[in-house]
Protein backbone atom coordinates (compact mmCIF):
# COMPACT_ATOMS: atom_id res chain seq x y z
CA MET A 1 34.42 27.62 -1.91
CA THR A 2 32.00 30.16 -3.95
CA LEU A 3 28.67 31.62 -3.46
CA GLU A 4 27.16 29.76 -6.35
CA SER A 5 28.62 26.03 -4.79
CA LEU A 6 26.96 27.12 -1.43
CA ARG A 7 24.03 27.48 -3.22
CA ASN A 8 24.15 24.41 -4.74
CA ASP A 9 24.69 22.55 -1.78
CA ILE A 10 21.60 24.30 -0.12
CA ASP A 11 19.29 23.29 -2.93
CA ALA A 12 20.50 19.59 -2.50
CA LEU A 13 19.79 19.64 1.07
CA ASP A 14 16.42 21.09 0.41
CA ASP A 15 15.69 18.41 -1.98
CA GLN A 16 16.53 16.10 0.68
CA LEU A 17 14.49 17.77 3.15
CA LEU A 18 11.24 17.57 0.84
CA THR A 19 12.06 13.93 0.27
CA LEU A 20 12.21 13.43 4.28
CA LEU A 21 9.21 15.63 4.83
CA ASN A 22 7.02 13.81 2.21
CA GLN A 23 8.06 10.35 4.01
CA ARG A 24 6.78 11.80 7.27
CA MET A 25 3.66 13.01 5.86
CA GLU A 26 2.79 9.34 4.68
CA LEU A 27 3.43 8.16 8.14
CA VAL A 28 1.17 10.79 9.31
CA ARG A 29 -1.58 9.96 6.87
CA ARG A 30 -1.34 5.93 8.10
CA VAL A 31 -1.83 7.48 11.68
CA GLY A 32 -4.74 9.40 10.70
CA GLU A 33 -6.35 6.53 9.34
CA LEU A 34 -5.71 4.56 12.47
CA LYS A 35 -6.88 7.63 14.56
CA ARG A 36 -10.02 7.81 12.45
CA SER A 37 -10.70 4.23 12.99
CA THR A 38 -10.64 4.65 16.58
CA ASN A 39 -12.16 8.20 16.83
CA ALA A 40 -8.93 9.42 18.39
CA VAL A 41 -7.84 13.11 19.13
CA ILE A 42 -6.06 14.57 16.16
CA TYR A 43 -4.72 17.56 17.90
CA ARG A 44 -2.28 16.28 21.04
CA PRO A 45 -0.19 19.09 22.45
CA GLU A 46 1.67 16.73 25.02
CA ARG A 47 2.90 14.35 22.07
CA GLU A 48 4.06 17.73 20.42
CA LYS A 49 6.00 18.77 23.32
CA GLN A 50 7.67 15.27 23.72
CA ILE A 51 8.99 15.56 20.00
CA ILE A 52 10.31 19.01 20.58
CA ASP A 53 11.94 18.10 23.83
CA ARG A 54 13.54 14.88 22.37
CA LEU A 55 14.77 16.79 19.50
CA GLN A 56 16.46 19.30 21.67
CA THR A 57 18.38 16.60 23.63
CA LYS A 58 19.53 15.64 20.06
CA ASN A 59 20.43 19.16 18.88
CA ASN A 60 24.40 20.06 18.23
CA GLY A 61 23.73 22.50 15.68
CA LEU A 62 23.22 26.37 15.51
CA MET A 63 19.46 26.19 16.09
CA ASN A 64 18.20 27.16 19.24
CA ARG A 65 15.04 25.59 20.80
CA PRO A 66 12.52 28.59 19.72
CA ALA A 67 13.75 28.01 16.21
CA ILE A 68 13.06 24.30 16.39
CA GLU A 69 9.70 25.00 17.74
CA ALA A 70 8.90 27.28 15.21
CA ILE A 71 9.82 24.78 12.21
CA PHE A 72 8.33 21.63 13.71
CA LEU A 73 4.85 23.40 15.10
CA GLU A 74 4.34 24.38 11.21
CA ILE A 75 5.31 20.68 10.48
CA PHE A 76 2.89 19.30 12.99
CA ALA A 77 0.09 21.76 11.64
CA VAL A 78 0.17 20.62 8.00
CA SER A 79 0.55 17.07 9.59
CA ARG A 80 -2.89 17.47 11.21
CA ASN A 81 -4.53 19.05 8.26
CA LEU A 82 -3.39 16.10 6.48
CA GLU A 83 -4.94 13.62 9.22
CA LEU A 84 -8.10 15.99 9.63
CA PRO A 85 -8.47 19.44 8.17
CA GLU A 86 -8.92 21.68 11.37
CA ARG A 87 -11.37 24.56 11.60
CA VAL A 88 -10.44 27.19 13.96
CA ALA A 89 -12.16 30.25 15.44
CA TYR A 90 -10.40 33.20 16.99
CA LEU A 91 -11.25 36.69 18.16
CA GLY A 92 -10.89 38.72 15.38
CA PRO A 93 -10.35 40.58 13.18
CA GLU A 94 -8.01 39.26 10.77
CA GLY A 95 -4.40 40.27 11.55
CA SER A 96 -4.99 40.55 15.28
CA PHE A 97 -2.63 39.07 17.94
CA THR A 98 -5.17 36.37 18.67
CA HIS A 99 -4.85 35.47 14.90
CA GLN A 100 -1.06 35.36 15.36
CA ALA A 101 -1.36 33.19 18.51
CA ALA A 102 -3.91 30.87 16.28
CA GLU A 103 -1.44 30.35 13.58
CA SER A 104 1.61 29.60 15.72
CA ARG A 105 -0.14 26.54 16.88
CA PHE A 106 -2.48 25.55 13.89
CA GLY A 107 -0.26 26.71 10.98
CA ALA A 108 -1.35 28.68 7.79
CA MET A 109 -3.25 25.75 6.39
CA SER A 110 -6.13 25.45 8.81
CA ALA A 111 -9.49 26.91 8.25
CA TYR A 112 -9.88 30.17 10.31
CA MET A 113 -12.77 31.88 11.26
CA ALA A 114 -12.62 35.45 12.69
CA LEU A 115 -15.04 36.47 14.90
CA PRO A 116 -16.39 39.75 16.64
CA THR A 117 -16.41 38.75 20.13
CA ILE A 118 -14.93 36.15 22.86
CA ARG A 119 -18.79 34.91 23.41
CA SER A 120 -18.87 34.40 19.49
CA VAL A 121 -15.68 32.15 19.68
CA PHE A 122 -17.25 30.18 22.91
CA GLU A 123 -20.32 29.67 20.95
CA SER A 124 -18.91 28.44 17.94
CA VAL A 125 -16.82 25.73 19.59
CA GLU A 126 -19.60 24.88 21.98
CA THR A 127 -22.13 24.36 18.91
CA GLY A 128 -19.54 22.66 17.07
CA ARG A 129 -19.20 24.94 14.20
CA VAL A 130 -15.68 24.80 15.01
CA ARG A 131 -13.22 22.46 16.58
CA PHE A 132 -10.80 24.69 18.54
CA GLY A 133 -11.38 28.44 19.59
CA VAL A 134 -8.42 30.86 20.43
CA ILE A 135 -9.16 33.51 22.97
CA PRO A 136 -7.07 36.24 24.95
CA ILE A 137 -6.79 35.53 28.71
CA GLU A 138 -4.55 37.88 30.29
CA ASN A 139 -1.62 40.23 29.58
CA ASN A 140 1.11 40.87 31.79
CA GLN A 141 0.87 44.63 31.42
CA GLU A 142 -3.05 44.91 31.26
CA GLY A 143 -4.25 42.20 33.45
CA ILE A 144 -7.17 39.50 32.98
CA VAL A 145 -9.63 39.56 30.30
CA GLU A 146 -12.67 39.59 32.33
CA GLU A 147 -15.23 38.23 29.77
CA ALA A 148 -12.91 35.42 28.94
CA ILE A 149 -12.73 34.53 32.62
CA ASP A 150 -16.49 34.74 33.18
CA LEU A 151 -17.26 32.62 30.15
CA LEU A 152 -15.11 29.79 31.39
CA LEU A 153 -17.76 29.55 34.01
CA GLU A 154 -20.67 29.91 31.91
CA LYS A 155 -20.08 27.42 29.30
CA ASP A 156 -19.10 23.72 29.21
CA LEU A 157 -15.71 23.86 27.43
CA THR A 158 -12.05 22.62 28.13
CA ILE A 159 -8.64 24.05 27.74
CA ALA A 160 -6.79 22.04 25.20
CA ALA A 161 -3.66 24.33 25.47
CA GLU A 162 -1.99 27.43 26.26
CA VAL A 163 -0.22 30.05 24.12
CA GLN A 164 1.75 32.98 25.26
CA ILE A 165 3.39 35.48 22.61
CA PRO A 166 5.61 38.34 22.69
CA VAL A 167 3.50 41.65 21.65
CA HIS A 168 5.89 43.20 19.15
CA PHE A 169 4.41 45.97 17.10
CA THR A 170 5.81 46.80 13.70
CA PHE A 171 5.62 50.22 11.91
CA ALA A 172 4.20 49.56 8.19
CA THR A 173 4.24 52.18 5.45
CA GLN A 174 4.20 52.30 1.95
CA THR A 175 6.86 54.97 2.02
CA GLU A 176 10.43 55.08 3.19
CA ASN A 177 10.25 59.03 3.99
CA LEU A 178 8.92 59.75 7.40
CA ALA A 179 8.63 63.26 6.64
CA GLU A 180 5.91 62.19 4.00
CA ILE A 181 3.57 60.41 6.09
CA THR A 182 0.56 62.39 7.07
CA GLN A 183 -1.51 60.15 9.20
CA ILE A 184 -0.65 57.21 11.27
CA TYR A 185 -3.18 54.65 12.37
CA SER A 186 -3.38 52.44 15.21
CA LYS A 187 -5.62 51.31 18.49
CA ASP A 188 -5.19 53.71 21.24
CA ILE A 189 -3.25 51.22 23.64
CA ALA A 190 -0.95 50.41 20.92
CA PHE A 191 -0.21 54.28 20.80
CA ARG A 192 0.30 54.32 24.33
CA GLN A 193 2.57 51.07 24.21
CA CYS A 194 4.77 52.50 21.26
CA SER A 195 4.72 56.31 22.84
CA LYS A 196 8.72 56.30 22.56
CA PHE A 197 9.29 55.31 19.16
CA LEU A 198 6.34 57.73 18.00
CA ASN A 199 7.91 60.68 19.85
CA ASP A 200 11.47 59.98 19.08
CA SER A 201 10.60 59.38 15.13
CA PHE A 202 8.13 62.10 14.79
CA GLU A 203 9.47 65.05 16.77
CA GLY A 204 8.92 68.24 14.43
CA LEU A 205 7.04 66.32 11.91
CA GLN A 206 3.12 66.67 11.30
CA ALA A 207 1.95 63.09 11.32
CA GLU A 208 -1.40 63.06 12.97
CA LEU A 209 -1.87 59.89 15.27
CA VAL A 210 -5.51 58.68 14.06
CA PRO A 211 -7.10 56.12 16.61
CA VAL A 212 -8.96 53.16 15.16
CA GLU A 213 -10.85 50.10 16.19
CA SER A 214 -8.12 47.48 15.76
CA THR A 215 -4.38 47.39 14.52
CA SER A 216 -5.75 45.21 11.60
CA ARG A 217 -8.02 48.07 10.66
CA ALA A 218 -4.87 50.36 10.85
CA ALA A 219 -2.77 47.75 8.18
CA LYS A 220 -5.76 47.88 5.99
CA LEU A 221 -6.06 51.71 5.83
CA ALA A 222 -2.06 52.14 5.46
CA ALA A 223 -2.53 49.68 2.54
CA GLN A 224 -4.95 52.23 0.86
CA ASN A 225 -3.50 55.42 1.61
CA PRO A 226 0.51 55.75 0.34
CA HIS A 227 1.80 58.52 2.47
CA THR A 228 0.03 57.09 5.96
CA ALA A 229 1.65 54.25 8.14
CA ALA A 230 0.09 51.71 10.77
CA VAL A 231 1.49 50.59 13.93
CA CYS A 232 0.20 46.87 13.75
CA SER A 233 1.17 43.14 14.48
CA HIS A 234 3.52 41.83 11.94
CA ILE A 235 0.88 39.36 10.55
CA ALA A 236 -1.50 42.29 9.76
CA ALA A 237 1.11 43.83 7.78
CA LYS A 238 1.63 40.71 5.87
CA LEU A 239 -2.05 40.20 5.77
CA PHE A 240 -2.60 43.69 4.01
CA ASP A 241 0.67 43.48 2.12
CA VAL A 242 2.27 46.88 3.81
CA PRO A 243 5.93 47.04 3.86
CA VAL A 244 7.46 47.01 7.32
CA LEU A 245 9.58 49.81 7.71
CA PHE A 246 10.49 49.22 11.66
CA ASP A 247 9.96 46.42 13.68
CA ASN A 248 9.44 45.74 17.36
CA ILE A 249 8.77 49.47 18.11
CA GLU A 250 6.98 49.06 21.68
CA ASP A 251 8.54 50.23 24.08
CA SER A 252 8.94 47.42 26.60
CA ASP A 253 10.13 44.19 25.39
CA LEU A 254 8.44 42.45 28.23
CA ASN A 255 4.98 42.75 27.26
CA ARG A 256 3.33 39.11 26.78
CA THR A 257 -0.09 37.94 26.05
CA ARG A 258 -1.61 34.44 27.13
CA PHE A 259 -4.25 32.85 24.96
CA LEU A 260 -6.16 29.77 25.69
CA ILE A 261 -7.42 27.36 23.10
CA LEU A 262 -10.80 25.72 23.99
CA ALA A 263 -12.17 22.63 22.64
CA LYS A 264 -15.29 20.25 23.85
CA ASP A 265 -14.66 17.39 25.41
CA PHE A 266 -11.00 17.44 25.45
CA LYS A 267 -8.26 15.68 27.57
CA ASN A 268 -4.73 16.02 27.53
CA GLN A 269 -2.54 12.79 28.66
CA PRO A 270 0.39 14.06 31.06
CA SER A 271 3.35 15.45 29.70
CA GLY A 272 5.47 15.60 32.88
CA SER A 273 5.06 19.34 32.70
CA ASP A 274 1.47 20.31 33.07
CA LYS A 275 -0.72 23.04 34.36
CA THR A 276 -4.48 22.55 35.43
CA THR A 277 -7.38 25.36 35.80
CA ILE A 278 -10.39 24.92 37.86
CA ILE A 279 -13.22 26.78 39.07
CA ALA A 280 -14.23 26.74 42.76
CA LYS A 281 -17.46 27.58 44.17
CA LEU A 282 -16.91 27.38 47.88
CA PRO A 283 -19.86 26.92 50.05
CA ASN A 284 -20.13 29.98 52.81
CA THR A 285 -17.01 31.94 51.34
CA GLU A 286 -18.14 34.96 53.59
CA SER A 287 -17.19 32.77 56.72
CA PRO A 288 -13.79 33.06 57.84
CA GLY A 289 -11.11 30.46 56.77
CA VAL A 290 -13.13 28.81 53.95
CA LEU A 291 -10.83 29.75 51.31
CA ALA A 292 -7.61 29.59 53.18
CA GLU A 293 -8.55 26.02 54.30
CA PHE A 294 -9.18 25.04 50.42
CA LEU A 295 -5.92 26.77 49.57
CA GLN A 296 -4.00 24.70 52.37
CA GLU A 297 -5.10 21.57 50.64
CA PHE A 298 -2.60 22.39 47.96
CA ASN A 299 -0.08 23.28 50.19
CA ALA A 300 -0.41 20.27 52.17
CA ARG A 301 0.13 18.17 48.91
CA ASN A 302 3.11 20.56 47.66
CA ILE A 303 1.21 21.42 44.68
CA ASN A 304 2.36 24.73 43.34
CA LEU A 305 -0.62 27.65 42.91
CA THR A 306 0.09 29.86 39.91
CA LYS A 307 -2.74 31.83 39.80
CA ILE A 308 -5.96 32.54 41.73
CA GLU A 309 -8.69 35.25 40.30
CA SER A 310 -11.94 35.88 42.20
CA ARG A 311 -15.32 36.62 40.04
CA PRO A 312 -18.67 37.74 41.59
CA LEU A 313 -20.89 34.91 41.58
CA ARG A 314 -23.95 37.15 41.04
CA GLU A 315 -26.44 34.50 42.70
CA GLY A 316 -28.70 36.52 44.91
CA ALA A 317 -28.20 39.95 46.75
CA THR A 318 -25.11 38.91 49.03
CA PHE A 319 -21.64 39.38 48.14
CA ARG A 320 -20.10 35.98 47.26
CA TYR A 321 -17.37 35.03 44.82
CA TRP A 322 -16.18 31.93 42.61
CA PHE A 323 -12.40 31.51 42.10
CA LEU A 324 -10.42 30.57 39.18
CA ILE A 325 -7.15 28.61 40.28
CA GLU A 326 -4.62 27.53 38.33
CA CYS A 327 -1.88 25.06 39.54
CA GLU A 328 1.22 23.14 38.49
CA GLY A 329 0.51 19.32 37.74
CA HIS A 330 -2.18 17.16 35.67
CA SER A 331 -5.49 16.13 37.12
CA ASP A 332 -4.66 12.65 36.71
CA ASP A 333 -1.64 13.13 39.49
CA PRO A 334 -3.09 11.42 42.64
CA ASP A 335 -2.42 14.26 44.87
CA LEU A 336 -4.60 16.75 42.89
CA GLN A 337 -6.81 14.07 41.89
CA GLU A 338 -7.54 13.63 45.67
CA ILE A 339 -8.65 17.22 45.99
CA LEU A 340 -10.78 17.20 42.86
CA ASN A 341 -12.35 13.94 44.27
CA HIS A 342 -12.94 15.69 47.89
CA HIS A 343 -14.56 18.51 46.43
CA ALA A 344 -16.34 17.45 43.28
CA ALA A 345 -19.38 19.05 44.19
CA GLU A 346 -17.72 22.55 44.47
CA VAL A 347 -14.97 22.09 41.85
CA LYS A 348 -14.93 22.40 37.84
CA LEU A 349 -12.48 21.07 36.14
CA LEU A 350 -11.30 23.21 32.93
CA GLY A 351 -8.53 21.19 31.66
CA SER A 352 -4.86 19.96 32.09
CA TYR A 353 -2.65 21.00 29.33
CA VAL A 354 1.06 21.63 28.48
CA ARG A 355 2.60 24.55 30.80
CA VAL A 356 4.19 27.28 28.75
CA ALA A 357 7.24 28.48 30.67
């Protein structure tokens, strides 16, 4: 068998894939017509999970689950845009990790709006300028994003989904000779998280580390100056067309950031593997046992709590707090629904959504 014959076989399979994808899109178009006639929601994360779970059970080839997800999430995104083009806001700038998280769920074809602050993302969803907003909520190395947590209390939005992405940095430059690089641009936190690579690669060389406001800005500067480089995200290097010389240069491969997809008046159906986020404003939290008694209700019903964050209530002169709580399960589950109904005056449901492992 020759290389040419193998390429011909691949071409033939590509032709079949294109035909099948067009057949799928025709069915999607018809589904879209039905949804529009009933005003149904287009984005259904729980349905997408069911499809990927089913495909995984049928998979007996070389592709693993991440590969199946990567391909089919893009197919889902294209399909949704055929049904109804989506407008998505995210915390900018372009090429940021939040941009990357948004594209991982909504694909390359959606209409994106890069916004300067987390508040502006909330307000764009709240006012209907966009259908969805993507914001960072926590990093497993740096902790929570306090502004995002506080705005979940302030604004009346729903969590439609969560996204977790590994934080990988690339070294992008127009030159292949490290000795020719005079300046390296990046955000200060990126320099810290890639310090081992930088120290090892540039020991004895004269490259200057130049902090800038974002890794996207770093990539843009590296695109404009031939003898410079950027420590940036892969999407930023691609956006500004800067060749990637080294990939995955971060000191730790355990760095993960979690993002939330926000919407207005959005509800997922149970998927069988869900997470629920609530806000609890309990009365008299300065009294002994109030919080413990509330949390005990989850334990008594065998509901696993996965997160609890306290934030200042900022009402009056006393030291009082509200709590962001996450647990396994869906708000429609009878045990969790019982807790929510019992504390209806004190609890705000932010949403139930597919849990990311």
